[in-house]
Amino acid sequence: MKTPSVPAVASKALWPAAALAALTVAAFALAPALSLGQLDLSVTLLTYLTIAQAWNVLAGFSGQISLGAAAFMATGGYTTALILVHTGLPWPVAFLGAGVGAALLALLLAVPLLRLRGDYFAVGTLAVSIAIQALLSNWNWAGGASGLTLPTERIPSGGNLYQIAVLVAALAMALTLYVRHSAFGLRLAAVRDNEPAAAGLGVSVYRHRLAALVPTSALTGLAGAVIAFQFVVISPDGVASVNWSLNAVLMSVVGGAGTVLGPVAGVGIVYYGLTRALQNQQTLSMVIEGVLLIAIVRFAPQGAWPLICRAVRLPLTRRRAAPTATDTGSNAITRTPEHA
């Protein structure tokens, strides 16, 4: 079987990239038509999509199972809040500072964390999240356990916040498409599937893992800034909660880690299908989410999206494979002399 070349793989990304651009423009222009409630719900969904796609690139494509999304959410949210509260800088500077702060944290943590593998990497990132939450709870300049209140007159809200969330989610989708259809993504997948073999072929394992960690951390930091704008009041128990890490894992795994549209399906299933529908029954919601995760891992480890795709393709495949009446008749005529 002939292996597809890199240009052939890259050419397949043209129509998904065009579709993403068209959807981004359409979603961006939709802001004036949405009510305040719809805008708020859309911002939440888009934020979850961003962190789920960021985790998907880091774990699904590069094999780094992380529980540290909360650390970068907190870094982005608090960087934004500290800039707005303690300086006179405008919100765009604070927003960009969130991404830069999260990226710098990723670079700082890369030295110890990227030496870890498998479960040790997951535990290490979880420890970082817990440590940052504890640090923020005892940092008086950041408001301590009470947190910070952003100046409402200097932050985007309503349609503007929705449009920012659209752009951040589009960046996360674009990064996923790039990793899925680029030579870099092929090397990253090689590192994920067989690290010693990839290293033997000249692929720098550390550099590729670092190249996946930094941009995904920056995107998660931008998502933290969006949450800070949305909540107005941020605290260690909110923006730094480990629940952000768990939700990122759950949505990506349920939808289908290592796929482009899996996290999109995962966000719809987990948040809109369960969390929001059972918002008045938090305990039941958590139980169902746990059972769903176990069921997906046990019976559909590739996630719901690949399962849905196979279910859609199966009838089409059977229809193409089924013999037509003309074919059946000609076969019968052909076989008659042989059996006569």
Protein backbone atom coordinates (compact mmCIF):
# COMPACT_ATOMS: atom_id res chain seq x y z
CA MET A 1 0.00 0.00 0.00
CA LYS A 2 1.34 3.39 -0.97
CA THR A 3 1.77 5.89 1.86
CA PRO A 4 0.26 9.32 1.08
CA SER A 5 2.79 12.11 0.67
CA VAL A 6 2.83 15.20 2.88
CA PRO A 7 1.46 17.49 0.08
CA ALA A 8 -1.39 15.00 -0.46
CA VAL A 9 -2.19 15.03 3.25
CA ALA A 10 -1.99 18.84 3.38
CA SER A 11 -4.30 19.22 0.37
CA LYS A 12 -7.04 17.42 2.28
CA ALA A 13 -7.07 20.28 4.80
CA LEU A 14 -8.11 22.88 2.22
CA TRP A 15 -11.85 22.29 2.34
CA PRO A 16 -11.99 21.88 6.17
CA ALA A 17 -10.02 25.12 6.50
CA ALA A 18 -12.40 26.88 4.11
CA ALA A 19 -15.39 25.50 6.01
CA LEU A 20 -13.90 26.67 9.31
CA ALA A 21 -13.33 30.17 7.91
CA ALA A 22 -16.90 30.36 6.59
CA LEU A 23 -18.38 29.14 9.89
CA THR A 24 -16.26 31.60 11.85
CA VAL A 25 -17.46 34.54 9.74
CA ALA A 26 -21.08 33.36 10.00
CA ALA A 27 -20.87 32.89 13.77
CA PHE A 28 -19.16 36.25 14.17
CA ALA A 29 -21.91 38.00 12.22
CA LEU A 30 -24.63 36.21 14.20
CA ALA A 31 -23.96 38.19 17.39
CA PRO A 32 -26.61 40.94 16.89
CA ALA A 33 -29.34 38.34 16.35
CA LEU A 34 -28.77 36.51 19.67
CA SER A 35 -30.42 37.33 22.99
CA LEU A 36 -28.36 37.88 26.14
CA GLY A 37 -29.15 34.37 27.35
CA GLN A 38 -28.13 32.85 24.03
CA LEU A 39 -24.93 34.89 24.00
CA ASP A 40 -24.03 33.73 27.50
CA LEU A 41 -24.70 30.07 26.63
CA SER A 42 -22.70 30.37 23.41
CA VAL A 43 -19.71 31.87 25.24
CA THR A 44 -19.75 28.94 27.68
CA LEU A 45 -19.98 26.34 24.90
CA LEU A 46 -17.21 28.02 22.89
CA THR A 47 -14.96 28.20 25.95
CA TYR A 48 -15.45 24.50 26.64
CA LEU A 49 -14.74 23.78 22.98
CA THR A 50 -11.47 25.71 23.22
CA ILE A 51 -10.14 23.85 26.25
CA ALA A 52 -11.37 20.50 24.89
CA GLN A 53 -9.59 21.06 21.55
CA ALA A 54 -6.44 22.23 23.34
CA TRP A 55 -6.44 19.04 25.41
CA ASN A 56 -7.20 17.05 22.26
CA VAL A 57 -4.08 18.37 20.51
CA LEU A 58 -1.93 17.76 23.58
CA ALA A 59 -3.24 14.29 24.45
CA GLY A 60 -5.07 12.96 21.41
CA PHE A 61 -2.40 13.88 18.86
CA SER A 62 0.82 14.02 20.90
CA GLY A 63 0.03 11.47 23.61
CA GLN A 64 0.57 13.77 26.62
CA ILE A 65 -2.32 12.99 28.99
CA SER A 66 -2.65 16.20 30.95
CA LEU A 67 -4.72 17.18 33.97
CA GLY A 68 -3.32 20.69 34.01
CA ALA A 69 -5.89 22.68 32.04
CA ALA A 70 -7.03 24.36 35.28
CA ALA A 71 -3.51 25.73 35.86
CA PHE A 72 -3.47 27.51 32.50
CA MET A 73 -7.10 28.63 32.84
CA ALA A 74 -6.20 30.21 36.19
CA THR A 75 -3.05 31.79 34.78
CA GLY A 76 -4.98 33.35 31.90
CA GLY A 77 -7.91 34.48 34.02
CA TYR A 78 -5.80 35.98 36.79
CA THR A 79 -3.32 37.62 34.41
CA THR A 80 -6.24 39.39 32.76
CA ALA A 81 -7.77 40.38 36.09
CA LEU A 82 -4.51 41.62 37.62
CA ILE A 83 -3.72 43.79 34.59
CA LEU A 84 -7.20 45.34 34.58
CA VAL A 85 -7.43 45.84 38.35
CA HIS A 86 -3.91 47.11 39.05
CA THR A 87 -3.09 48.99 35.83
CA GLY A 88 -4.84 51.36 33.47
CA LEU A 89 -4.20 49.19 30.42
CA PRO A 90 -7.16 48.37 28.13
CA TRP A 91 -8.76 44.94 27.96
CA PRO A 92 -7.12 43.87 24.65
CA VAL A 93 -3.71 44.09 26.36
CA ALA A 94 -5.02 42.12 29.33
CA PHE A 95 -6.55 39.53 27.00
CA LEU A 96 -3.32 39.02 25.04
CA GLY A 97 -1.43 38.96 28.34
CA ALA A 98 -3.48 35.91 29.33
CA GLY A 99 -2.16 33.93 26.38
CA VAL A 100 1.41 35.12 26.91
CA GLY A 101 1.28 34.33 30.64
CA ALA A 102 -0.02 30.81 30.05
CA ALA A 103 2.60 30.19 27.35
CA LEU A 104 5.39 31.38 29.68
CA LEU A 105 4.10 29.07 32.41
CA ALA A 106 4.18 26.19 29.93
CA LEU A 107 7.79 27.00 29.01
CA LEU A 108 8.73 27.13 32.69
CA LEU A 109 7.05 23.81 33.47
CA ALA A 110 8.30 22.08 30.32
CA VAL A 111 11.73 21.37 31.79
CA PRO A 112 10.47 19.14 34.63
CA LEU A 113 7.17 17.94 33.15
CA LEU A 114 8.32 16.84 29.69
CA ARG A 115 10.76 14.45 31.30
CA LEU A 116 7.77 12.53 32.67
CA ARG A 117 5.83 9.93 30.71
CA GLY A 118 2.35 8.44 30.87
CA ASP A 119 0.67 8.49 34.27
CA TYR A 120 3.57 10.43 35.80
CA PHE A 121 2.99 13.32 33.39
CA ALA A 122 -0.74 13.34 34.24
CA VAL A 123 -0.04 13.36 37.98
CA GLY A 124 2.59 16.08 37.54
CA THR A 125 0.18 18.38 35.69
CA LEU A 126 -2.52 17.72 38.30
CA ALA A 127 -0.06 18.67 41.06
CA VAL A 128 0.69 21.95 39.23
CA SER A 129 -3.04 22.78 39.07
CA ILE A 130 -3.51 22.12 42.78
CA ALA A 131 -0.39 24.13 43.65
CA ILE A 132 -1.52 27.15 41.61
CA GLN A 133 -4.96 27.07 43.20
CA ALA A 134 -3.35 27.02 46.66
CA LEU A 135 -0.98 29.85 45.68
CA LEU A 136 -3.81 32.05 44.46
CA SER A 137 -5.82 31.38 47.63
CA ASN A 138 -2.96 32.78 49.75
CA TRP A 139 -1.83 35.61 47.46
CA ASN A 140 -3.21 38.86 48.88
CA TRP A 141 -2.31 40.98 45.83
CA ALA A 142 -4.54 38.65 43.80
CA GLY A 143 -7.39 38.91 46.30
CA GLY A 144 -6.66 35.74 48.23
CA ALA A 145 -9.51 33.29 48.63
CA SER A 146 -12.07 36.01 47.82
CA GLY A 147 -10.61 36.64 44.37
CA LEU A 148 -10.88 39.77 42.25
CA THR A 149 -13.69 41.80 40.73
CA LEU A 150 -13.03 43.09 37.23
CA PRO A 151 -14.00 46.69 36.35
CA THR A 152 -17.20 46.14 34.38
CA GLU A 153 -16.85 49.41 32.47
CA ARG A 154 -13.53 48.25 30.97
CA ILE A 155 -14.30 44.70 29.86
CA PRO A 156 -16.15 43.34 26.81
CA SER A 157 -19.59 41.85 27.32
CA GLY A 158 -22.61 40.66 25.37
CA GLY A 159 -22.02 40.45 21.64
CA ASN A 160 -18.40 41.61 21.88
CA LEU A 161 -17.51 38.86 24.36
CA TYR A 162 -19.28 36.31 22.18
CA GLN A 163 -17.23 37.39 19.17
CA ILE A 164 -14.02 37.07 21.17
CA ALA A 165 -15.06 33.55 22.22
CA VAL A 166 -15.75 32.70 18.56
CA LEU A 167 -12.26 33.81 17.54
CA VAL A 168 -10.57 31.87 20.35
CA ALA A 169 -12.53 28.70 19.52
CA ALA A 170 -11.69 29.19 15.82
CA LEU A 171 -8.00 29.39 16.73
CA ALA A 172 -8.30 26.12 18.64
CA MET A 173 -10.04 24.46 15.69
CA ALA A 174 -7.42 25.84 13.28
CA LEU A 175 -4.59 24.45 15.43
CA THR A 176 -6.28 21.05 15.45
CA LEU A 177 -6.67 21.10 11.66
CA TYR A 178 -3.03 22.07 11.25
CA VAL A 179 -1.84 19.24 13.49
CA ARG A 180 -4.15 16.78 11.74
CA HIS A 181 -3.03 17.65 8.20
CA SER A 182 0.60 18.80 8.47
CA ALA A 183 4.05 17.19 8.42
CA PHE A 184 4.46 18.39 12.00
CA GLY A 185 1.30 16.50 12.95
CA LEU A 186 2.58 13.33 11.30
CA ARG A 187 5.80 13.52 13.32
CA LEU A 188 3.82 14.28 16.47
CA ALA A 189 1.65 11.21 15.87
CA ALA A 190 4.82 9.14 15.37
CA VAL A 191 6.08 10.31 18.77
CA ARG A 192 2.72 9.39 20.30
CA ASP A 193 2.55 5.93 18.76
CA ASN A 194 6.18 4.84 19.16
CA GLU A 195 8.52 7.28 20.82
CA PRO A 196 11.73 5.20 20.51
CA ALA A 197 11.09 4.52 16.82
CA ALA A 198 10.35 8.20 16.12
CA ALA A 199 13.54 9.23 17.92
CA GLY A 200 15.47 6.65 15.92
CA LEU A 201 14.22 8.27 12.70
CA GLY A 202 15.55 11.65 13.80
CA VAL A 203 12.39 13.19 15.28
CA SER A 204 13.15 15.37 18.32
CA VAL A 205 10.71 14.08 20.94
CA TYR A 206 11.27 16.95 23.37
CA ARG A 207 10.90 19.71 20.78
CA HIS A 208 7.72 18.25 19.31
CA ARG A 209 6.12 17.75 22.72
CA LEU A 210 7.13 21.31 23.64
CA ALA A 211 5.68 22.60 20.37
CA ALA A 212 2.37 20.97 21.30
CA LEU A 213 2.41 22.08 24.96
CA VAL A 214 3.04 25.82 24.47
CA PRO A 215 0.29 26.76 21.96
CA THR A 216 -2.33 24.59 23.67
CA SER A 217 -1.46 26.23 26.99
CA ALA A 218 -1.74 29.69 25.40
CA LEU A 219 -5.19 28.81 24.02
CA THR A 220 -6.30 27.56 27.42
CA GLY A 221 -5.05 30.81 28.93
CA LEU A 222 -7.11 32.81 26.43
CA ALA A 223 -10.12 30.69 27.43
CA GLY A 224 -9.39 31.68 31.03
CA ALA A 225 -9.50 35.35 30.01
CA VAL A 226 -12.90 34.80 28.35
CA ILE A 227 -14.19 33.18 31.55
CA ALA A 228 -12.87 36.12 33.58
CA PHE A 229 -14.76 38.55 31.34
CA GLN A 230 -17.89 36.41 31.56
CA PHE A 231 -17.86 35.85 35.33
CA VAL A 232 -16.59 39.38 36.22
CA VAL A 233 -15.72 38.04 39.69
CA ILE A 234 -13.02 35.36 39.65
CA SER A 235 -11.71 33.29 42.56
CA PRO A 236 -9.40 30.30 43.06
CA ASP A 237 -12.41 28.03 43.58
CA GLY A 238 -13.86 29.12 40.25
CA VAL A 239 -11.34 29.74 37.48
CA ALA A 240 -8.65 27.56 39.14
CA SER A 241 -10.93 24.61 39.88
CA VAL A 242 -9.69 21.17 38.85
CA ASN A 243 -13.14 20.68 37.29
CA TRP A 244 -11.86 22.55 34.22
CA SER A 245 -9.22 19.87 33.71
CA LEU A 246 -11.69 17.05 34.23
CA ASN A 247 -14.22 18.59 31.83
CA ALA A 248 -11.57 19.04 29.15
CA VAL A 249 -10.66 15.35 29.42
CA LEU A 250 -14.27 14.18 29.58
CA MET A 251 -15.48 16.18 26.58
CA SER A 252 -12.54 15.23 24.39
CA VAL A 253 -12.59 11.52 25.29
CA VAL A 254 -16.37 11.18 25.00
CA GLY A 255 -16.38 12.92 21.63
CA GLY A 256 -13.27 11.25 20.29
CA ALA A 257 -9.69 12.20 21.14
CA GLY A 258 -7.35 12.40 18.18
CA THR A 259 -10.09 13.59 15.81
CA VAL A 260 -10.97 17.10 14.64
CA LEU A 261 -14.71 17.06 15.33
CA GLY A 262 -14.70 14.71 18.33
CA PRO A 263 -14.41 17.49 20.94
CA VAL A 264 -17.23 19.39 19.20
CA ALA A 265 -19.50 16.38 19.69
CA GLY A 266 -18.16 15.91 23.21
CA VAL A 267 -19.03 19.46 24.24
CA GLY A 268 -22.56 19.03 22.94
CA ILE A 269 -23.04 15.65 24.63
CA VAL A 270 -21.48 16.47 28.00
CA TYR A 271 -22.39 20.11 28.55
CA TYR A 272 -25.56 20.74 26.60
CA GLY A 273 -26.85 17.18 26.83
CA LEU A 274 -26.03 16.47 30.48
CA THR A 275 -24.61 19.33 32.57
CA ARG A 276 -27.14 21.94 31.45
CA ALA A 277 -30.07 19.53 31.28
CA LEU A 278 -29.35 18.36 34.85
CA GLN A 279 -28.16 21.68 36.27
CA ASN A 280 -30.56 21.37 39.20
CA GLN A 281 -29.33 17.85 39.99
CA GLN A 282 -25.56 18.21 40.19
CA THR A 283 -24.93 14.86 41.89
CA LEU A 284 -26.92 12.93 39.29
CA SER A 285 -25.15 14.82 36.51
CA MET A 286 -21.72 13.86 37.86
CA VAL A 287 -22.76 10.23 38.25
CA ILE A 288 -24.06 10.03 34.68
CA GLU A 289 -20.91 11.73 33.34
CA GLY A 290 -18.76 9.20 35.19
CA VAL A 291 -20.77 6.28 33.88
CA LEU A 292 -20.67 7.73 30.37
CA LEU A 293 -16.89 8.07 30.50
CA ILE A 294 -16.48 4.47 31.67
CA ALA A 295 -18.85 3.23 28.96
CA ILE A 296 -17.01 5.16 26.24
CA VAL A 297 -13.60 3.91 27.37
CA ARG A 298 -14.87 0.34 27.62
CA PHE A 299 -17.10 -0.02 24.55
CA ALA A 300 -16.09 2.82 22.21
CA PRO A 301 -12.52 3.86 23.08
CA GLN A 302 -12.25 5.97 19.92
CA GLY A 303 -15.13 8.16 21.13
CA ALA A 304 -18.66 8.98 20.03
CA TRP A 305 -17.80 10.89 16.84
CA PRO A 306 -16.03 7.99 15.05
CA LEU A 307 -18.90 5.76 16.18
CA ILE A 308 -21.45 8.16 14.65
CA CYS A 309 -19.44 8.34 11.42
CA ARG A 310 -19.33 4.55 11.13
CA ALA A 311 -23.06 4.31 11.82
CA VAL A 312 -23.77 6.81 9.01
CA ARG A 313 -21.41 5.13 6.53
CA LEU A 314 -22.64 1.57 7.18
CA PRO A 315 -26.00 1.84 5.32
CA LEU A 316 -24.27 3.61 2.43
CA THR A 317 -21.65 0.88 2.20
CA ARG A 318 -24.28 -1.86 2.26
CA ARG A 319 -26.29 -0.07 -0.42
CA ARG A 320 -23.28 0.14 -2.70
CA ALA A 321 -22.37 -3.49 -2.06
CA ALA A 322 -25.90 -4.84 -2.67
CA PRO A 323 -26.30 -6.36 -6.21
CA THR A 324 -28.80 -4.69 -8.50
CA ALA A 325 -31.66 -6.56 -10.19
CA THR A 326 -29.84 -6.41 -13.54
CA ASP A 327 -26.69 -7.88 -12.03
CA THR A 328 -28.68 -10.68 -10.40
CA GLY A 329 -30.42 -11.53 -13.65
CA SER A 330 -27.23 -11.58 -15.69
CA ASN A 331 -25.55 -13.77 -13.08
CA ALA A 332 -28.45 -16.23 -13.22
CA ILE A 333 -28.26 -16.41 -17.01
CA THR A 334 -24.52 -16.92 -16.88
CA ARG A 335 -24.77 -19.73 -14.35
CA THR A 336 -27.57 -21.64 -16.12
CA PRO A 337 -25.40 -23.46 -18.70
CA GLU A 338 -22.97 -24.51 -15.99
CA HIS A 339 -25.67 -26.22 -13.94
CA ALA A 340 -27.62 -27.60 -16.87
